[in-house]
């Protein structure tokens, strides 16, 4: 039979695991806030997590979608996602304005030795101005990167999934 202390330890561990799977790390949050403040030229913004019906969307379980506000005025939206690289995942951010057009994409944390070129501003600039009506093809609309094929393809697919999600969320009057 389990002792009380053992059950208590299991309960605390379970709660910690559940909570940590739904939260954003401090490191990611700081990087995300820095990009939001720079892109929207606004300090002390408020992030409101959007509750999404993940069954309708193409979304990774650990992805987060936020409404960005300042003084109760909507500035835009932030999407924090994960995408596959060769042997791991990387964290990326997509910022959109109130017209649901991409203002910025940024690789926040890249965990591979190779392929980090997808984090360059020059390469990520290709996604700016895209909206739900766009569908991007790697090597056609998006320039290929030698040595980063898996990550670059993955980021292109992630942006396409995001744009499809925007369409669904707009249609369902979430955005």
C-alpha atoms as a PDB file:
ATOM      1  CA  UNK A   1       0.000   0.000   0.000  1.00  0.00           C
ATOM      2  CA  UNK A   2       1.171   3.523  -0.754  1.00  0.00           C
ATOM      3  CA  UNK A   3       2.135   5.743   2.149  1.00  0.00           C
ATOM      4  CA  UNK A   4       0.702   9.253   2.438  1.00  0.00           C
ATOM      5  CA  UNK A   5       4.071  10.912   1.684  1.00  0.00           C
ATOM      6  CA  UNK A   6       4.535   8.806  -1.455  1.00  0.00           C
ATOM      7  CA  UNK A   7       1.030   9.690  -2.727  1.00  0.00           C
ATOM      8  CA  UNK A   8       1.677  13.367  -1.917  1.00  0.00           C
ATOM      9  CA  UNK A   9       4.990  13.276  -3.829  1.00  0.00           C
ATOM     10  CA  UNK A  10       3.333  11.625  -6.838  1.00  0.00           C
ATOM     11  CA  UNK A  11       0.519  14.219  -6.771  1.00  0.00           C
ATOM     12  CA  UNK A  12       2.950  17.162  -6.596  1.00  0.00           C
ATOM     13  CA  UNK A  13       5.052  15.683  -9.413  1.00  0.00           C
ATOM     14  CA  UNK A  14       1.965  15.116 -11.580  1.00  0.00           C
ATOM     15  CA  UNK A  15       0.730  18.686 -11.035  1.00  0.00           C
ATOM     16  CA  UNK A  16       4.201  20.067 -11.865  1.00  0.00           C
ATOM     17  CA  UNK A  17       4.411  18.020 -15.083  1.00  0.00           C
ATOM     18  CA  UNK A  18       0.918  19.091 -16.149  1.00  0.00           C
ATOM     19  CA  UNK A  19       1.556  22.758 -15.410  1.00  0.00           C
ATOM     20  CA  UNK A  20       4.981  22.834 -17.036  1.00  0.00           C
ATOM     21  CA  UNK A  21       3.618  21.274 -20.228  1.00  0.00           C
ATOM     22  CA  UNK A  22       1.190  24.204 -20.649  1.00  0.00           C
ATOM     23  CA  UNK A  23       3.471  27.083 -19.737  1.00  0.00           C
ATOM     24  CA  UNK A  24       6.141  28.979 -21.595  1.00  0.00           C
ATOM     25  CA  UNK A  25       9.631  28.987 -20.078  1.00  0.00           C
ATOM     26  CA  UNK A  26      10.995  32.286 -18.747  1.00  0.00           C
ATOM     27  CA  UNK A  27      13.746  32.213 -21.377  1.00  0.00           C
ATOM     28  CA  UNK A  28      11.247  31.880 -24.236  1.00  0.00           C
ATOM     29  CA  UNK A  29       8.904  34.456 -22.717  1.00  0.00           C
ATOM     30  CA  UNK A  30      11.710  37.039 -22.436  1.00  0.00           C
ATOM     31  CA  UNK A  31      12.782  36.492 -26.037  1.00  0.00           C
ATOM     32  CA  UNK A  32       9.186  36.637 -27.232  1.00  0.00           C
ATOM     33  CA  UNK A  33       8.428  39.860 -25.320  1.00  0.00           C
ATOM     34  CA  UNK A  34      11.570  41.513 -26.687  1.00  0.00           C
ATOM     35  CA  UNK A  35      10.481  40.746 -30.272  1.00  0.00           C
ATOM     36  CA  UNK A  36       6.913  41.889 -29.612  1.00  0.00           C
ATOM     37  CA  UNK A  37       8.045  45.182 -28.082  1.00  0.00           C
ATOM     38  CA  UNK A  38      10.429  45.840 -30.979  1.00  0.00           C
ATOM     39  CA  UNK A  39       8.014  44.831 -33.740  1.00  0.00           C
ATOM     40  CA  UNK A  40       4.975  46.670 -32.364  1.00  0.00           C
ATOM     41  CA  UNK A  41       7.068  49.536 -30.945  1.00  0.00           C
ATOM     42  CA  UNK A  42       5.312  49.191 -27.595  1.00  0.00           C
ATOM     43  CA  UNK A  43       6.606  48.607 -24.059  1.00  0.00           C
ATOM     44  CA  UNK A  44       4.753  46.771 -21.317  1.00  0.00           C
ATOM     45  CA  UNK A  45       2.340  44.914 -23.553  1.00  0.00           C
ATOM     46  CA  UNK A  46      -0.203  42.499 -22.166  1.00  0.00           C
ATOM     47  CA  UNK A  47      -0.315  38.939 -23.518  1.00  0.00           C
ATOM     48  CA  UNK A  48      -3.627  37.132 -23.282  1.00  0.00           C
ATOM     49  CA  UNK A  49      -3.502  33.423 -23.991  1.00  0.00           C
ATOM     50  CA  UNK A  50      -6.172  32.362 -26.475  1.00  0.00           C
ATOM     51  CA  UNK A  51      -8.023  29.177 -25.673  1.00  0.00           C
ATOM     52  CA  UNK A  52      -8.129  27.195 -28.875  1.00  0.00           C
ATOM     53  CA  UNK A  53     -10.084  24.176 -29.989  1.00  0.00           C
ATOM     54  CA  UNK A  54      -6.990  22.208 -30.939  1.00  0.00           C
ATOM     55  CA  UNK A  55      -9.069  19.494 -32.597  1.00  0.00           C
ATOM     56  CA  UNK A  56      -9.972  21.918 -35.413  1.00  0.00           C
ATOM     57  CA  UNK A  57      -6.466  23.242 -35.889  1.00  0.00           C
ATOM     58  CA  UNK A  58      -3.121  22.071 -37.206  1.00  0.00           C
ATOM     59  CA  UNK A  59      -1.227  22.718 -33.998  1.00  0.00           C
ATOM     60  CA  UNK A  60       1.512  21.183 -31.876  1.00  0.00           C
ATOM     61  CA  UNK A  61       0.424  20.465 -28.286  1.00  0.00           C
ATOM     62  CA  UNK A  62       3.100  22.799 -26.896  1.00  0.00           C
ATOM     63  CA  UNK A  63       2.245  25.737 -29.173  1.00  0.00           C
ATOM     64  CA  UNK A  64       0.755  28.917 -27.734  1.00  0.00           C
ATOM     65  CA  UNK A  65      -1.340  31.666 -29.294  1.00  0.00           C
ATOM     66  CA  UNK A  66      -1.599  35.085 -27.635  1.00  0.00           C
ATOM     67  CA  UNK A  67      -3.524  38.281 -28.159  1.00  0.00           C
ATOM     68  CA  UNK A  68      -1.217  41.312 -27.772  1.00  0.00           C
ATOM     69  CA  UNK A  69      -2.754  44.364 -26.100  1.00  0.00           C
ATOM     70  CA  UNK A  70      -1.573  47.677 -24.759  1.00  0.00           C
ATOM     71  CA  UNK A  71      -3.960  49.844 -22.722  1.00  0.00           C
ATOM     72  CA  UNK A  72      -6.830  47.509 -23.703  1.00  0.00           C
ATOM     73  CA  UNK A  73      -6.133  48.148 -27.401  1.00  0.00           C
ATOM     74  CA  UNK A  74      -5.441  45.185 -29.672  1.00  0.00           C
ATOM     75  CA  UNK A  75      -2.030  45.445 -31.352  1.00  0.00           C
ATOM     76  CA  UNK A  76      -1.930  41.998 -32.953  1.00  0.00           C
ATOM     77  CA  UNK A  77      -1.274  38.358 -32.168  1.00  0.00           C
ATOM     78  CA  UNK A  78       1.734  36.222 -31.267  1.00  0.00           C
ATOM     79  CA  UNK A  79       2.132  32.549 -32.063  1.00  0.00           C
ATOM     80  CA  UNK A  80       4.855  30.602 -30.301  1.00  0.00           C
ATOM     81  CA  UNK A  81       5.456  27.239 -31.918  1.00  0.00           C
ATOM     82  CA  UNK A  82       7.805  24.301 -32.214  1.00  0.00           C
ATOM     83  CA  UNK A  83       8.972  22.723 -35.448  1.00  0.00           C
ATOM     84  CA  UNK A  84      11.164  19.734 -36.224  1.00  0.00           C
ATOM     85  CA  UNK A  85      14.816  19.982 -37.123  1.00  0.00           C
ATOM     86  CA  UNK A  86      17.070  17.035 -37.971  1.00  0.00           C
ATOM     87  CA  UNK A  87      17.266  15.493 -34.479  1.00  0.00           C
ATOM     88  CA  UNK A  88      15.372  17.939 -32.257  1.00  0.00           C
ATOM     89  CA  UNK A  89      12.855  20.787 -32.345  1.00  0.00           C
ATOM     90  CA  UNK A  90      13.280  24.543 -32.540  1.00  0.00           C
ATOM     91  CA  UNK A  91      11.104  27.289 -31.113  1.00  0.00           C
ATOM     92  CA  UNK A  92       9.798  29.995 -33.419  1.00  0.00           C
ATOM     93  CA  UNK A  93       7.619  33.060 -33.141  1.00  0.00           C
ATOM     94  CA  UNK A  94       5.167  34.499 -35.651  1.00  0.00           C
ATOM     95  CA  UNK A  95       3.757  37.972 -35.083  1.00  0.00           C
ATOM     96  CA  UNK A  96       0.723  39.204 -37.006  1.00  0.00           C
ATOM     97  CA  UNK A  97      -1.042  42.540 -37.049  1.00  0.00           C
ATOM     98  CA  UNK A  98      -4.754  43.202 -36.570  1.00  0.00           C
ATOM     99  CA  UNK A  99      -5.312  42.576 -40.304  1.00  0.00           C
ATOM    100  CA  UNK A 100      -3.888  39.042 -39.722  1.00  0.00           C
ATOM    101  CA  UNK A 101      -0.823  39.673 -41.883  1.00  0.00           C
ATOM    102  CA  UNK A 102       2.593  38.406 -40.796  1.00  0.00           C
ATOM    103  CA  UNK A 103       4.747  41.254 -39.459  1.00  0.00           C
ATOM    104  CA  UNK A 104       7.663  39.117 -38.297  1.00  0.00           C
ATOM    105  CA  UNK A 105       8.948  35.576 -37.943  1.00  0.00           C
ATOM    106  CA  UNK A 106      11.802  34.729 -35.623  1.00  0.00           C
ATOM    107  CA  UNK A 107      13.639  31.586 -34.568  1.00  0.00           C
ATOM    108  CA  UNK A 108      13.905  31.966 -30.795  1.00  0.00           C
ATOM    109  CA  UNK A 109      15.807  28.808 -29.833  1.00  0.00           C
ATOM    110  CA  UNK A 110      17.602  26.530 -32.298  1.00  0.00           C
ATOM    111  CA  UNK A 111      19.073  23.349 -30.827  1.00  0.00           C
ATOM    112  CA  UNK A 112      21.119  21.860 -33.693  1.00  0.00           C
ATOM    113  CA  UNK A 113      24.755  22.291 -34.681  1.00  0.00           C
ATOM    114  CA  UNK A 114      23.811  22.744 -38.353  1.00  0.00           C
ATOM    115  CA  UNK A 115      20.984  24.543 -40.103  1.00  0.00           C
ATOM    116  CA  UNK A 116      20.924  27.618 -37.904  1.00  0.00           C
ATOM    117  CA  UNK A 117      20.900  29.757 -41.066  1.00  0.00           C
ATOM    118  CA  UNK A 118      17.102  29.610 -40.970  1.00  0.00           C
ATOM    119  CA  UNK A 119      17.365  32.112 -38.135  1.00  0.00           C
ATOM    120  CA  UNK A 120      18.804  34.792 -40.399  1.00  0.00           C
ATOM    121  CA  UNK A 121      16.687  37.930 -40.800  1.00  0.00           C
ATOM    122  CA  UNK A 122      17.252  37.790 -44.553  1.00  0.00           C
ATOM    123  CA  UNK A 123      15.753  34.297 -44.890  1.00  0.00           C
ATOM    124  CA  UNK A 124      12.880  34.874 -42.439  1.00  0.00           C
ATOM    125  CA  UNK A 125      11.943  38.119 -44.238  1.00  0.00           C
ATOM    126  CA  UNK A 126      10.307  35.958 -46.932  1.00  0.00           C
ATOM    127  CA  UNK A 127       7.335  35.300 -44.647  1.00  0.00           C
ATOM    128  CA  UNK A 128       6.560  38.973 -43.913  1.00  0.00           C
ATOM    129  CA  UNK A 129       3.368  40.189 -45.572  1.00  0.00           C
ATOM    130  CA  UNK A 130       1.883  36.704 -45.961  1.00  0.00           C
ATOM    131  CA  UNK A 131      -1.690  36.056 -44.889  1.00  0.00           C
ATOM    132  CA  UNK A 132      -4.273  33.279 -44.768  1.00  0.00           C
ATOM    133  CA  UNK A 133      -4.756  33.509 -48.539  1.00  0.00           C
ATOM    134  CA  UNK A 134      -1.128  32.466 -49.175  1.00  0.00           C
ATOM    135  CA  UNK A 135       0.297  28.970 -49.470  1.00  0.00           C
ATOM    136  CA  UNK A 136       4.063  28.794 -49.596  1.00  0.00           C
ATOM    137  CA  UNK A 137       6.145  26.199 -51.420  1.00  0.00           C
ATOM    138  CA  UNK A 138       9.696  25.493 -50.292  1.00  0.00           C
ATOM    139  CA  UNK A 139      12.193  26.013 -53.135  1.00  0.00           C
ATOM    140  CA  UNK A 140       9.569  27.926 -55.132  1.00  0.00           C
ATOM    141  CA  UNK A 141       8.212  30.704 -52.922  1.00  0.00           C
ATOM    142  CA  UNK A 142      10.750  30.189 -50.143  1.00  0.00           C
ATOM    143  CA  UNK A 143      14.463  30.057 -50.947  1.00  0.00           C
ATOM    144  CA  UNK A 144      16.197  26.788 -50.057  1.00  0.00           C
ATOM    145  CA  UNK A 145      19.139  26.765 -47.659  1.00  0.00           C
ATOM    146  CA  UNK A 146      21.957  24.294 -48.226  1.00  0.00           C
ATOM    147  CA  UNK A 147      22.656  22.429 -44.992  1.00  0.00           C
ATOM    148  CA  UNK A 148      19.307  23.396 -43.477  1.00  0.00           C
ATOM    149  CA  UNK A 149      16.900  21.541 -45.745  1.00  0.00           C
ATOM    150  CA  UNK A 150      14.999  19.791 -42.942  1.00  0.00           C
ATOM    151  CA  UNK A 151      14.683  22.889 -40.744  1.00  0.00           C
ATOM    152  CA  UNK A 152      13.840  25.229 -43.633  1.00  0.00           C
ATOM    153  CA  UNK A 153      11.214  22.825 -44.968  1.00  0.00           C
ATOM    154  CA  UNK A 154       9.836  22.399 -41.465  1.00  0.00           C
ATOM    155  CA  UNK A 155       9.601  26.171 -40.922  1.00  0.00           C
ATOM    156  CA  UNK A 156       7.843  26.609 -44.275  1.00  0.00           C
ATOM    157  CA  UNK A 157       5.335  23.886 -43.344  1.00  0.00           C
ATOM    158  CA  UNK A 158       4.864  25.468 -39.904  1.00  0.00           C
ATOM    159  CA  UNK A 159       4.089  28.880 -41.425  1.00  0.00           C
ATOM    160  CA  UNK A 160       1.652  27.271 -43.888  1.00  0.00           C
ATOM    161  CA  UNK A 161      -0.106  25.463 -41.019  1.00  0.00           C
ATOM    162  CA  UNK A 162      -0.223  28.724 -39.075  1.00  0.00           C
ATOM    163  CA  UNK A 163      -1.789  30.548 -42.033  1.00  0.00           C
ATOM    164  CA  UNK A 164      -4.421  27.793 -42.393  1.00  0.00           C
ATOM    165  CA  UNK A 165      -5.136  28.090 -38.666  1.00  0.00           C
ATOM    166  CA  UNK A 166      -5.600  31.849 -39.053  1.00  0.00           C
ATOM    167  CA  UNK A 167      -8.214  31.174 -41.710  1.00  0.00           C
ATOM    168  CA  UNK A 168     -10.042  28.700 -39.444  1.00  0.00           C
ATOM    169  CA  UNK A 169      -9.880  31.033 -36.442  1.00  0.00           C
ATOM    170  CA  UNK A 170     -11.152  33.963 -38.501  1.00  0.00           C
ATOM    171  CA  UNK A 171     -13.968  31.847 -39.915  1.00  0.00           C
ATOM    172  CA  UNK A 172     -14.956  30.803 -36.357  1.00  0.00           C
ATOM    173  CA  UNK A 173     -14.774  34.440 -35.178  1.00  0.00           C
ATOM    174  CA  UNK A 174     -11.978  33.736 -32.673  1.00  0.00           C
ATOM    175  CA  UNK A 175      -9.845  36.440 -34.335  1.00  0.00           C
END
